[in-house]
């Protein structure tokens, strides 16, 4: 199934999810050539891919498969809600797994560039398939460990790579001067703020989004 296939998006999302997506879309409509229905259709195709692949490689937990919009799509879009990612930023999604947060962000903000880093071969295979089916441009799937990649990014983000206090030192070296790290966490974490500017935001439904801007 490719994006030129017809997908019925009616009743795919409830009112609260639709209103949230409408809010994000309204903020980014100036850089999108797609209607909101087309964006929701694209995410619906992604949802179907996740469900079809999850049974063989455990992309998401069994309890989340039927609630992907609220459990994964909306939390992934939090940086766009807050204006933390520029429309032309170059981003690294470290430990991308099933494509969170990078794929939902890319769908709503097509002007950004994203590199998905995923060490597990099967998950990297899924990411390549998702990129192809969703016809995403200016993306790259890196099937390697984060430690082995090179380059600097405007935004380095991670949602499920490990304990934030362990992950952060591994990610800071990839941040451009003036760039940032975005971490999705279950709880608040303590970060040495003497060498970083730190902000914490609540995510609807639970969890935190933490922005760390290193003071180079």
N, C-alpha and C. Protein backbone atom coordinates (compact mmCIF):
# COMPACT_ATOMS: atom_id res chain seq x y z
N UNK A 1 0.85 -1.20 0.00
CA UNK A 1 0.00 0.00 0.00
C UNK A 1 0.88 1.24 0.00
N UNK A 2 0.73 2.07 -1.01
CA UNK A 2 1.47 3.32 -1.06
C UNK A 2 0.53 4.48 -0.86
N UNK A 3 1.10 5.67 -0.79
CA UNK A 3 0.29 6.83 -0.45
C UNK A 3 -0.70 7.22 -1.55
N UNK A 4 -0.59 6.66 -2.74
CA UNK A 4 -1.59 6.96 -3.75
C UNK A 4 -2.82 6.05 -3.62
N UNK A 5 -2.77 5.13 -2.65
CA UNK A 5 -3.94 4.30 -2.38
C UNK A 5 -4.98 5.12 -1.64
N UNK A 6 -6.26 4.79 -1.84
CA UNK A 6 -7.33 5.52 -1.18
C UNK A 6 -7.55 4.91 0.20
N UNK A 7 -7.49 5.74 1.22
CA UNK A 7 -7.71 5.29 2.59
C UNK A 7 -8.85 6.10 3.17
N UNK A 8 -9.86 5.44 3.69
CA UNK A 8 -10.99 6.13 4.30
C UNK A 8 -10.60 6.61 5.68
N UNK A 9 -10.56 7.94 5.87
CA UNK A 9 -10.11 8.48 7.15
C UNK A 9 -11.27 8.84 8.05
N UNK A 10 -12.50 8.67 7.57
CA UNK A 10 -13.64 9.01 8.40
C UNK A 10 -13.66 8.12 9.64
N UNK A 11 -13.89 8.76 10.77
CA UNK A 11 -14.01 8.06 12.04
C UNK A 11 -12.73 7.33 12.46
N UNK A 12 -11.59 7.69 11.86
CA UNK A 12 -10.34 7.06 12.27
C UNK A 12 -9.83 7.62 13.58
N UNK A 13 -10.19 8.86 13.91
CA UNK A 13 -9.73 9.48 15.15
C UNK A 13 -10.92 10.11 15.86
N UNK A 14 -10.85 10.16 17.19
CA UNK A 14 -11.95 10.78 17.92
C UNK A 14 -11.79 12.30 17.92
N UNK A 15 -12.76 13.00 18.47
CA UNK A 15 -12.78 14.46 18.37
C UNK A 15 -11.59 15.10 19.05
N UNK A 16 -11.18 14.59 20.21
CA UNK A 16 -10.06 15.20 20.93
C UNK A 16 -8.77 15.07 20.13
N UNK A 17 -8.56 13.92 19.52
CA UNK A 17 -7.37 13.72 18.70
C UNK A 17 -7.44 14.62 17.46
N UNK A 18 -8.59 14.67 16.81
CA UNK A 18 -8.74 15.49 15.61
C UNK A 18 -8.47 16.96 15.92
N UNK A 19 -9.01 17.46 17.03
CA UNK A 19 -8.82 18.86 17.39
C UNK A 19 -7.35 19.17 17.66
N UNK A 20 -6.65 18.23 18.28
CA UNK A 20 -5.22 18.43 18.53
C UNK A 20 -4.45 18.46 17.20
N UNK A 21 -4.75 17.52 16.32
CA UNK A 21 -4.09 17.49 15.02
C UNK A 21 -4.40 18.74 14.21
N UNK A 22 -5.62 19.24 14.32
CA UNK A 22 -5.99 20.48 13.63
C UNK A 22 -5.16 21.64 14.15
N UNK A 23 -4.94 21.69 15.46
CA UNK A 23 -4.13 22.76 16.05
C UNK A 23 -2.70 22.72 15.52
N UNK A 24 -2.10 21.53 15.51
CA UNK A 24 -0.74 21.40 14.99
C UNK A 24 -0.70 21.76 13.51
N UNK A 25 -1.66 21.27 12.76
CA UNK A 25 -1.70 21.53 11.32
C UNK A 25 -1.81 23.02 11.04
N UNK A 26 -2.64 23.72 11.81
CA UNK A 26 -2.82 25.16 11.61
C UNK A 26 -1.51 25.91 11.81
N UNK A 27 -0.68 25.45 12.75
CA UNK A 27 0.60 26.10 13.00
C UNK A 27 1.58 25.88 11.85
N UNK A 28 1.44 24.75 11.14
CA UNK A 28 2.42 24.39 10.12
C UNK A 28 1.85 24.39 8.71
N UNK A 29 0.65 24.92 8.53
CA UNK A 29 -0.01 24.89 7.22
C UNK A 29 0.80 25.65 6.17
N UNK A 30 1.57 26.64 6.59
CA UNK A 30 2.33 27.43 5.63
C UNK A 30 3.47 26.65 4.98
N UNK A 31 3.82 25.50 5.53
CA UNK A 31 4.90 24.70 4.93
C UNK A 31 4.39 23.35 4.44
N UNK A 32 3.08 23.16 4.46
CA UNK A 32 2.52 21.89 4.01
C UNK A 32 1.65 22.11 2.79
N UNK A 33 1.82 21.25 1.79
CA UNK A 33 0.98 21.32 0.60
C UNK A 33 -0.21 20.37 0.69
N UNK A 34 -0.37 19.72 1.84
CA UNK A 34 -1.43 18.74 2.01
C UNK A 34 -2.54 19.29 2.90
N UNK A 35 -3.75 18.82 2.67
CA UNK A 35 -4.86 19.14 3.56
C UNK A 35 -4.71 18.35 4.85
N UNK A 36 -5.44 18.76 5.88
CA UNK A 36 -5.40 18.01 7.13
C UNK A 36 -5.88 16.58 6.92
N UNK A 37 -6.90 16.39 6.10
CA UNK A 37 -7.37 15.03 5.83
C UNK A 37 -6.27 14.18 5.20
N UNK A 38 -5.46 14.80 4.32
CA UNK A 38 -4.37 14.06 3.69
C UNK A 38 -3.29 13.70 4.71
N UNK A 39 -3.04 14.61 5.66
CA UNK A 39 -2.06 14.33 6.71
C UNK A 39 -2.56 13.19 7.60
N UNK A 40 -3.84 13.23 7.96
CA UNK A 40 -4.41 12.15 8.78
C UNK A 40 -4.39 10.84 8.01
N UNK A 41 -4.65 10.91 6.70
CA UNK A 41 -4.57 9.71 5.87
C UNK A 41 -3.17 9.12 5.91
N UNK A 42 -2.16 9.98 5.82
CA UNK A 42 -0.77 9.51 5.85
C UNK A 42 -0.48 8.81 7.18
N UNK A 43 -0.92 9.42 8.28
CA UNK A 43 -0.71 8.79 9.59
C UNK A 43 -1.52 7.51 9.72
N UNK A 44 -2.67 7.45 9.07
CA UNK A 44 -3.48 6.23 9.10
C UNK A 44 -2.77 5.08 8.37
N UNK A 45 -2.11 5.41 7.27
CA UNK A 45 -1.31 4.40 6.57
C UNK A 45 -0.18 3.92 7.47
N UNK A 46 0.47 4.85 8.16
CA UNK A 46 1.53 4.50 9.10
C UNK A 46 0.98 3.61 10.22
N UNK A 47 -0.20 3.94 10.73
CA UNK A 47 -0.85 3.12 11.76
C UNK A 47 -1.05 1.69 11.26
N UNK A 48 -1.52 1.55 10.03
CA UNK A 48 -1.75 0.22 9.47
C UNK A 48 -0.44 -0.55 9.33
N UNK A 49 0.60 0.14 8.88
CA UNK A 49 1.92 -0.50 8.78
C UNK A 49 2.38 -1.01 10.14
N UNK A 50 2.24 -0.18 11.16
CA UNK A 50 2.66 -0.58 12.50
C UNK A 50 1.91 -1.82 12.97
N UNK A 51 0.62 -1.84 12.74
CA UNK A 51 -0.18 -2.99 13.17
C UNK A 51 0.20 -4.26 12.40
N UNK A 52 0.47 -4.11 11.11
CA UNK A 52 0.80 -5.28 10.29
C UNK A 52 2.17 -5.85 10.61
N UNK A 53 3.09 -4.99 11.04
CA UNK A 53 4.45 -5.44 11.33
C UNK A 53 4.66 -5.80 12.80
N UNK A 54 3.85 -5.25 13.68
CA UNK A 54 4.12 -5.41 15.12
C UNK A 54 4.03 -6.85 15.58
N UNK A 55 3.16 -7.63 14.96
CA UNK A 55 3.00 -9.01 15.43
C UNK A 55 4.26 -9.84 15.23
N UNK A 56 5.14 -9.43 14.29
CA UNK A 56 6.34 -10.23 14.06
C UNK A 56 7.59 -9.65 14.70
N UNK A 57 7.59 -8.38 15.06
CA UNK A 57 8.82 -7.83 15.64
C UNK A 57 8.59 -6.92 16.84
N UNK A 58 7.39 -6.94 17.41
CA UNK A 58 7.13 -6.21 18.65
C UNK A 58 7.54 -4.75 18.56
N UNK A 59 7.05 -4.06 17.54
CA UNK A 59 7.38 -2.65 17.36
C UNK A 59 6.80 -1.79 18.48
N UNK A 60 5.58 -2.11 18.87
CA UNK A 60 4.93 -1.44 20.00
C UNK A 60 4.33 -2.51 20.89
N UNK A 61 4.07 -2.16 22.15
CA UNK A 61 3.51 -3.14 23.07
C UNK A 61 2.10 -3.52 22.65
N UNK A 62 1.70 -4.74 23.01
CA UNK A 62 0.38 -5.23 22.60
C UNK A 62 -0.74 -4.34 23.13
N UNK A 63 -0.53 -3.73 24.29
CA UNK A 63 -1.55 -2.87 24.86
C UNK A 63 -1.70 -1.54 24.15
N UNK A 64 -0.70 -1.17 23.33
CA UNK A 64 -0.73 0.12 22.63
C UNK A 64 -1.20 0.01 21.18
N UNK A 65 -1.26 -1.20 20.65
CA UNK A 65 -1.54 -1.38 19.22
C UNK A 65 -2.85 -0.73 18.80
N UNK A 66 -3.85 -0.80 19.66
CA UNK A 66 -5.15 -0.24 19.31
C UNK A 66 -5.35 1.19 19.81
N UNK A 67 -4.28 1.80 20.30
CA UNK A 67 -4.38 3.18 20.79
C UNK A 67 -3.15 3.98 20.39
N UNK A 68 -2.72 3.78 19.15
CA UNK A 68 -1.48 4.40 18.69
C UNK A 68 -1.55 5.92 18.64
N UNK A 69 -2.71 6.46 18.31
CA UNK A 69 -2.83 7.91 18.18
C UNK A 69 -2.53 8.61 19.50
N UNK A 70 -3.16 8.15 20.58
CA UNK A 70 -2.99 8.82 21.87
C UNK A 70 -1.71 8.41 22.58
N UNK A 71 -1.27 7.16 22.38
CA UNK A 71 -0.10 6.66 23.09
C UNK A 71 1.21 7.07 22.42
N UNK A 72 1.19 7.24 21.11
CA UNK A 72 2.45 7.46 20.39
C UNK A 72 2.43 8.66 19.45
N UNK A 73 1.38 8.81 18.64
CA UNK A 73 1.38 9.90 17.65
C UNK A 73 1.34 11.26 18.33
N UNK A 74 0.38 11.47 19.22
CA UNK A 74 0.24 12.78 19.86
C UNK A 74 1.45 13.12 20.73
N UNK A 75 1.95 12.21 21.59
CA UNK A 75 3.17 12.55 22.33
C UNK A 75 4.35 12.91 21.43
N UNK A 76 4.45 12.26 20.28
CA UNK A 76 5.55 12.56 19.35
C UNK A 76 5.48 13.98 18.80
N UNK A 77 4.27 14.52 18.71
CA UNK A 77 4.07 15.85 18.12
C UNK A 77 4.24 16.99 19.11
N UNK A 78 4.51 16.69 20.36
CA UNK A 78 4.62 17.74 21.39
C UNK A 78 5.60 18.84 21.01
N UNK A 79 6.79 18.54 20.44
CA UNK A 79 7.71 19.63 20.08
C UNK A 79 7.13 20.59 19.05
N UNK A 80 6.28 20.10 18.14
CA UNK A 80 5.65 20.99 17.17
C UNK A 80 4.61 21.86 17.84
N UNK A 81 3.86 21.30 18.77
CA UNK A 81 2.90 22.09 19.53
C UNK A 81 3.59 23.26 20.22
N UNK A 82 4.79 23.02 20.74
CA UNK A 82 5.52 24.03 21.51
C UNK A 82 6.45 24.88 20.65
N UNK A 83 6.56 24.58 19.37
CA UNK A 83 7.44 25.35 18.49
C UNK A 83 8.91 25.12 18.75
N UNK A 84 9.28 23.91 19.15
CA UNK A 84 10.67 23.62 19.52
C UNK A 84 11.52 23.15 18.34
N UNK A 85 10.88 22.86 17.21
CA UNK A 85 11.60 22.40 16.02
C UNK A 85 11.31 23.35 14.87
N UNK A 86 12.36 23.89 14.26
CA UNK A 86 12.18 24.79 13.13
C UNK A 86 11.78 24.05 11.88
N UNK A 87 11.15 24.75 10.96
CA UNK A 87 10.59 24.12 9.76
C UNK A 87 11.66 23.61 8.79
N UNK A 88 12.92 24.02 8.98
CA UNK A 88 14.00 23.56 8.11
C UNK A 88 15.12 22.88 8.90
N UNK A 89 14.86 22.52 10.14
CA UNK A 89 15.89 21.92 10.98
C UNK A 89 16.33 20.56 10.45
N UNK A 90 17.58 20.22 10.74
CA UNK A 90 18.11 18.88 10.47
C UNK A 90 18.13 18.13 11.80
N UNK A 91 17.44 17.00 11.84
CA UNK A 91 17.19 16.31 13.11
C UNK A 91 17.74 14.89 13.09
N UNK A 92 18.12 14.42 14.26
CA UNK A 92 18.50 13.02 14.48
C UNK A 92 17.49 12.40 15.43
N UNK A 93 16.87 11.31 14.99
CA UNK A 93 15.99 10.52 15.85
C UNK A 93 16.79 9.31 16.30
N UNK A 94 17.31 9.35 17.52
CA UNK A 94 18.23 8.34 18.03
C UNK A 94 17.47 7.19 18.67
N UNK A 95 17.78 5.96 18.25
CA UNK A 95 17.05 4.81 18.75
C UNK A 95 15.61 4.85 18.31
N UNK A 96 15.40 5.06 17.02
CA UNK A 96 14.07 5.39 16.50
C UNK A 96 13.06 4.26 16.64
N UNK A 97 13.50 3.01 16.57
CA UNK A 97 12.59 1.89 16.76
C UNK A 97 11.49 1.85 15.72
N UNK A 98 10.25 2.10 16.14
CA UNK A 98 9.10 2.07 15.25
C UNK A 98 8.89 3.38 14.50
N UNK A 99 9.75 4.37 14.78
CA UNK A 99 9.62 5.66 14.08
C UNK A 99 9.09 6.79 14.93
N UNK A 100 9.08 6.59 16.24
CA UNK A 100 8.65 7.65 17.15
C UNK A 100 9.87 8.30 17.79
N UNK A 101 9.93 9.62 17.79
CA UNK A 101 8.91 10.58 17.37
C UNK A 101 9.03 11.04 15.92
N UNK A 102 10.06 10.57 15.21
CA UNK A 102 10.43 11.19 13.95
C UNK A 102 9.39 11.17 12.85
N UNK A 103 8.72 10.03 12.65
CA UNK A 103 7.78 9.95 11.52
C UNK A 103 6.58 10.87 11.70
N UNK A 104 5.89 10.89 12.85
CA UNK A 104 4.79 11.85 12.99
C UNK A 104 5.24 13.30 12.81
N UNK A 105 6.43 13.63 13.34
CA UNK A 105 6.94 14.99 13.19
C UNK A 105 7.19 15.31 11.71
N UNK A 106 7.79 14.39 10.98
CA UNK A 106 8.09 14.60 9.57
C UNK A 106 6.81 14.76 8.75
N UNK A 107 5.78 13.99 9.07
CA UNK A 107 4.51 14.08 8.33
C UNK A 107 3.90 15.47 8.47
N UNK A 108 3.99 16.05 9.67
CA UNK A 108 3.39 17.37 9.89
C UNK A 108 4.31 18.51 9.48
N UNK A 109 5.61 18.29 9.46
CA UNK A 109 6.56 19.34 9.11
C UNK A 109 7.50 18.81 8.03
N UNK A 110 7.02 18.73 6.78
CA UNK A 110 7.78 18.06 5.72
C UNK A 110 9.08 18.74 5.33
N UNK A 111 9.28 19.99 5.74
CA UNK A 111 10.49 20.69 5.35
C UNK A 111 11.73 20.30 6.14
N UNK A 112 11.55 19.60 7.25
CA UNK A 112 12.70 19.21 8.04
C UNK A 112 13.40 18.01 7.41
N UNK A 113 14.65 17.82 7.78
CA UNK A 113 15.41 16.63 7.41
C UNK A 113 15.58 15.77 8.65
N UNK A 114 15.35 14.47 8.53
CA UNK A 114 15.49 13.57 9.68
C UNK A 114 16.35 12.38 9.30
N UNK A 115 17.31 12.06 10.18
CA UNK A 115 18.05 10.81 10.11
C UNK A 115 17.55 9.91 11.23
N UNK A 116 17.04 8.74 10.87
CA UNK A 116 16.57 7.77 11.85
C UNK A 116 17.72 6.81 12.15
N UNK A 117 18.16 6.76 13.39
CA UNK A 117 19.24 5.85 13.78
C UNK A 117 18.65 4.68 14.56
N UNK A 118 18.81 3.48 14.04
CA UNK A 118 18.27 2.27 14.68
C UNK A 118 19.25 1.12 14.50
N UNK A 119 19.76 0.58 15.62
CA UNK A 119 20.78 -0.45 15.56
C UNK A 119 20.23 -1.82 15.16
N UNK A 120 18.97 -2.10 15.48
CA UNK A 120 18.41 -3.42 15.19
C UNK A 120 17.98 -3.51 13.73
N UNK A 121 18.48 -4.54 13.06
CA UNK A 121 18.29 -4.65 11.61
C UNK A 121 16.81 -4.73 11.23
N UNK A 122 16.03 -5.52 11.95
CA UNK A 122 14.62 -5.69 11.59
C UNK A 122 13.84 -4.38 11.74
N UNK A 123 14.15 -3.63 12.79
CA UNK A 123 13.46 -2.36 12.97
C UNK A 123 13.90 -1.34 11.92
N UNK A 124 15.18 -1.38 11.55
CA UNK A 124 15.65 -0.51 10.47
C UNK A 124 14.97 -0.88 9.15
N UNK A 125 14.73 -2.17 8.94
CA UNK A 125 14.00 -2.62 7.76
C UNK A 125 12.59 -2.05 7.75
N UNK A 126 11.94 -2.07 8.91
CA UNK A 126 10.60 -1.47 8.99
C UNK A 126 10.65 0.02 8.68
N UNK A 127 11.62 0.72 9.24
CA UNK A 127 11.72 2.16 9.00
C UNK A 127 11.90 2.46 7.52
N UNK A 128 12.74 1.70 6.85
CA UNK A 128 12.92 1.89 5.41
C UNK A 128 11.61 1.65 4.66
N UNK A 129 10.87 0.64 5.08
CA UNK A 129 9.59 0.36 4.45
C UNK A 129 8.61 1.51 4.68
N UNK A 130 8.56 2.01 5.91
CA UNK A 130 7.65 3.12 6.23
C UNK A 130 8.01 4.37 5.43
N UNK A 131 9.28 4.67 5.33
CA UNK A 131 9.73 5.83 4.56
C UNK A 131 9.31 5.69 3.10
N UNK A 132 9.43 4.49 2.55
CA UNK A 132 9.05 4.24 1.16
C UNK A 132 7.54 4.37 0.96
N UNK A 133 6.76 3.71 1.81
CA UNK A 133 5.30 3.71 1.66
C UNK A 133 4.72 5.10 1.87
N UNK A 134 5.26 5.83 2.84
CA UNK A 134 4.76 7.17 3.14
C UNK A 134 5.33 8.24 2.22
N UNK A 135 6.26 7.83 1.34
CA UNK A 135 6.88 8.76 0.38
C UNK A 135 7.51 9.95 1.08
N UNK A 136 8.25 9.67 2.15
CA UNK A 136 8.92 10.74 2.90
C UNK A 136 10.22 11.12 2.21
N UNK A 137 10.46 12.42 2.08
CA UNK A 137 11.67 12.91 1.43
C UNK A 137 12.61 13.54 2.46
N UNK A 138 13.88 13.64 2.08
CA UNK A 138 14.91 14.22 2.96
C UNK A 138 14.99 13.47 4.29
N UNK A 139 14.99 12.15 4.19
CA UNK A 139 15.18 11.31 5.37
C UNK A 139 16.23 10.25 5.04
N UNK A 140 16.83 9.70 6.09
CA UNK A 140 17.81 8.64 5.92
C UNK A 140 17.68 7.70 7.11
N UNK A 141 17.71 6.40 6.85
CA UNK A 141 17.70 5.40 7.91
C UNK A 141 19.11 4.87 8.10
N UNK A 142 19.65 5.03 9.29
CA UNK A 142 21.00 4.59 9.62
C UNK A 142 20.90 3.35 10.48
N UNK A 143 21.25 2.20 9.91
CA UNK A 143 21.19 0.93 10.65
C UNK A 143 22.51 0.71 11.37
N UNK A 144 22.68 1.43 12.47
CA UNK A 144 23.92 1.38 13.23
C UNK A 144 23.69 1.90 14.63
N UNK A 145 24.67 1.75 15.48
CA UNK A 145 24.59 2.31 16.83
C UNK A 145 24.78 3.82 16.77
N UNK A 146 24.17 4.50 17.71
CA UNK A 146 24.31 5.96 17.75
C UNK A 146 25.77 6.35 17.85
N UNK A 147 26.54 5.62 18.63
CA UNK A 147 27.95 5.96 18.83
C UNK A 147 28.75 5.95 17.54
N UNK A 148 28.27 5.25 16.53
CA UNK A 148 29.04 5.07 15.30
C UNK A 148 28.67 6.03 14.18
N UNK A 149 27.70 6.89 14.41
CA UNK A 149 27.34 7.84 13.35
C UNK A 149 28.18 9.11 13.49
N UNK A 150 28.18 9.91 12.44
CA UNK A 150 28.92 11.17 12.43
C UNK A 150 27.97 12.29 12.04
N UNK A 151 28.37 13.50 12.38
CA UNK A 151 27.57 14.66 11.98
C UNK A 151 27.05 15.44 13.17
N UNK A 152 26.54 16.63 12.87
CA UNK A 152 25.93 17.49 13.87
C UNK A 152 24.53 17.88 13.41
N UNK A 153 23.65 18.09 14.38
CA UNK A 153 22.24 18.30 14.07
C UNK A 153 21.69 19.49 14.86
N UNK A 154 20.67 20.11 14.28
CA UNK A 154 19.96 21.18 14.99
C UNK A 154 19.19 20.62 16.18
N UNK A 155 18.59 19.45 15.99
CA UNK A 155 17.79 18.81 17.03
C UNK A 155 18.15 17.33 17.09
N UNK A 156 18.50 16.87 18.29
CA UNK A 156 18.73 15.45 18.54
C UNK A 156 17.64 14.99 19.49
N UNK A 157 16.86 13.99 19.09
CA UNK A 157 15.72 13.59 19.91
C UNK A 157 15.73 12.08 20.14
N UNK A 158 15.18 11.70 21.30
CA UNK A 158 15.10 10.29 21.65
C UNK A 158 13.90 10.06 22.54
N UNK A 159 13.12 9.04 22.19
CA UNK A 159 11.92 8.75 22.97
C UNK A 159 12.00 7.43 23.72
N UNK A 160 12.77 6.48 23.27
CA UNK A 160 12.76 5.16 23.92
C UNK A 160 14.12 4.49 23.82
N UNK A 161 15.18 5.25 24.08
CA UNK A 161 16.52 4.72 23.90
C UNK A 161 17.13 4.20 25.20
N UNK A 162 16.54 4.53 26.32
CA UNK A 162 17.08 4.11 27.60
C UNK A 162 16.84 5.17 28.66
N UNK A 163 17.50 5.02 29.80
CA UNK A 163 17.36 6.00 30.87
C UNK A 163 17.92 7.35 30.42
N UNK A 164 17.15 8.42 30.57
CA UNK A 164 17.58 9.74 30.08
C UNK A 164 18.95 10.15 30.60
N UNK A 165 19.23 9.87 31.87
CA UNK A 165 20.51 10.27 32.44
C UNK A 165 21.68 9.52 31.80
N UNK A 166 21.41 8.34 31.24
CA UNK A 166 22.44 7.59 30.52
C UNK A 166 22.52 8.00 29.05
N UNK A 167 21.37 8.33 28.49
CA UNK A 167 21.29 8.65 27.07
C UNK A 167 21.86 10.03 26.75
N UNK A 168 21.58 11.00 27.60
CA UNK A 168 21.94 12.39 27.31
C UNK A 168 23.41 12.58 26.98
N UNK A 169 24.36 12.05 27.78
CA UNK A 169 25.77 12.27 27.44
C UNK A 169 26.15 11.70 26.08
N UNK A 170 25.48 10.65 25.65
CA UNK A 170 25.78 10.04 24.35
C UNK A 170 25.27 10.89 23.19
N UNK A 171 24.28 11.74 23.46
CA UNK A 171 23.66 12.52 22.39
C UNK A 171 24.23 13.92 22.24
N UNK A 172 24.79 14.45 23.30
CA UNK A 172 25.23 15.85 23.29
C UNK A 172 26.27 16.13 22.21
N UNK A 173 27.10 15.13 21.89
CA UNK A 173 28.17 15.38 20.92
C UNK A 173 27.64 15.61 19.50
N UNK A 174 26.38 15.28 19.26
CA UNK A 174 25.80 15.45 17.93
C UNK A 174 25.08 16.78 17.76
N UNK A 175 25.04 17.60 18.81
CA UNK A 175 24.28 18.85 18.78
C UNK A 175 25.13 19.99 18.22
N UNK A 176 24.61 20.66 17.20
CA UNK A 176 25.28 21.85 16.67
C UNK A 176 25.28 22.96 17.72
N UNK A 177 26.23 23.89 17.65
CA UNK A 177 26.11 25.09 18.50
C UNK A 177 24.77 25.77 18.27
N UNK A 178 24.06 26.02 19.35
CA UNK A 178 22.73 26.60 19.25
C UNK A 178 21.63 25.57 19.10
N UNK A 179 22.00 24.29 19.00
CA UNK A 179 21.02 23.22 18.85
C UNK A 179 20.52 22.72 20.19
N UNK A 180 19.81 21.60 20.16
CA UNK A 180 19.16 21.12 21.38
C UNK A 180 18.98 19.61 21.35
N UNK A 181 18.76 19.07 22.54
CA UNK A 181 18.35 17.67 22.70
C UNK A 181 16.92 17.67 23.23
N UNK A 182 16.08 16.79 22.69
CA UNK A 182 14.72 16.60 23.18
C UNK A 182 14.58 15.16 23.66
N UNK A 183 14.19 15.00 24.92
CA UNK A 183 14.02 13.67 25.51
C UNK A 183 12.59 13.50 26.00
N UNK A 184 12.00 12.38 25.65
CA UNK A 184 10.69 12.00 26.19
C UNK A 184 10.94 11.08 27.39
N UNK A 185 10.39 11.40 28.54
CA UNK A 185 10.64 10.61 29.75
C UNK A 185 9.33 10.33 30.47
N UNK A 186 9.36 9.31 31.32
CA UNK A 186 8.18 8.99 32.13
C UNK A 186 8.06 9.92 33.33
N UNK A 187 9.21 10.37 33.84
CA UNK A 187 9.23 11.20 35.04
C UNK A 187 10.23 12.33 34.85
N UNK A 188 10.22 13.28 35.78
CA UNK A 188 11.21 14.35 35.77
C UNK A 188 12.59 13.77 36.02
N UNK A 189 13.61 14.39 35.45
CA UNK A 189 14.98 13.96 35.70
C UNK A 189 15.81 15.17 36.10
N UNK A 190 16.88 14.90 36.82
CA UNK A 190 17.78 15.94 37.26
C UNK A 190 18.92 16.09 36.26
N UNK A 191 19.09 17.29 35.75
CA UNK A 191 20.15 17.57 34.79
C UNK A 191 20.97 18.74 35.30
N UNK A 192 22.28 18.65 35.19
CA UNK A 192 23.17 19.72 35.62
C UNK A 192 22.90 20.96 34.78
N UNK A 193 22.18 21.92 35.34
CA UNK A 193 21.77 23.09 34.57
C UNK A 193 22.85 24.17 34.49
N UNK A 194 24.00 23.94 35.12
CA UNK A 194 25.06 24.94 35.06
C UNK A 194 25.69 25.01 33.67
N UNK A 195 25.61 23.92 32.92
CA UNK A 195 26.18 23.94 31.57
C UNK A 195 25.13 23.69 30.49
N UNK A 196 23.86 23.74 30.88
CA UNK A 196 22.77 23.56 29.92
C UNK A 196 21.56 24.36 30.35
N UNK A 197 20.79 24.80 29.36
CA UNK A 197 19.49 25.41 29.64
C UNK A 197 18.44 24.31 29.52
N UNK A 198 17.70 24.08 30.59
CA UNK A 198 16.78 22.95 30.65
C UNK A 198 15.35 23.44 30.85
N UNK A 199 14.43 22.91 30.04
CA UNK A 199 13.00 23.16 30.23
C UNK A 199 12.25 21.83 30.21
N UNK A 200 11.22 21.75 31.03
CA UNK A 200 10.43 20.52 31.13
C UNK A 200 8.96 20.83 30.83
N UNK A 201 8.34 19.97 30.02
CA UNK A 201 6.94 20.18 29.63
C UNK A 201 6.16 18.90 29.88
N UNK A 202 4.93 19.06 30.37
CA UNK A 202 4.06 17.91 30.57
C UNK A 202 3.46 17.46 29.24
N UNK A 203 3.32 16.16 29.08
CA UNK A 203 2.67 15.58 27.90
C UNK A 203 1.29 15.08 28.30
N UNK A 204 0.29 15.45 27.53
CA UNK A 204 -1.06 15.01 27.81
C UNK A 204 -1.11 13.48 27.84
N UNK A 205 -1.71 12.94 28.87
CA UNK A 205 -1.79 11.49 29.01
C UNK A 205 -0.65 10.90 29.81
N UNK A 206 0.33 11.74 30.19
CA UNK A 206 1.42 11.26 31.03
C UNK A 206 2.78 11.41 30.38
N UNK A 207 3.78 11.60 31.22
CA UNK A 207 5.14 11.72 30.75
C UNK A 207 5.59 13.17 30.61
N UNK A 208 6.86 13.33 30.29
CA UNK A 208 7.48 14.65 30.18
C UNK A 208 8.25 14.76 28.87
N UNK A 209 8.32 15.96 28.35
CA UNK A 209 9.24 16.29 27.27
C UNK A 209 10.25 17.26 27.85
N UNK A 210 11.53 16.91 27.74
CA UNK A 210 12.58 17.75 28.31
C UNK A 210 13.46 18.29 27.19
N UNK A 211 13.62 19.60 27.18
CA UNK A 211 14.48 20.27 26.21
C UNK A 211 15.78 20.65 26.90
N UNK A 212 16.90 20.23 26.33
CA UNK A 212 18.22 20.57 26.86
C UNK A 212 18.99 21.32 25.78
N UNK A 213 19.36 22.56 26.07
CA UNK A 213 20.16 23.36 25.15
C UNK A 213 21.54 23.52 25.76
N UNK A 214 22.55 22.83 25.23
CA UNK A 214 23.90 22.93 25.80
C UNK A 214 24.45 24.35 25.67
N UNK A 215 25.17 24.78 26.68
CA UNK A 215 25.81 26.09 26.66
C UNK A 215 27.26 25.90 26.25
N UNK A 216 27.49 25.86 24.92
CA UNK A 216 28.84 25.61 24.41
C UNK A 216 29.74 26.80 24.69
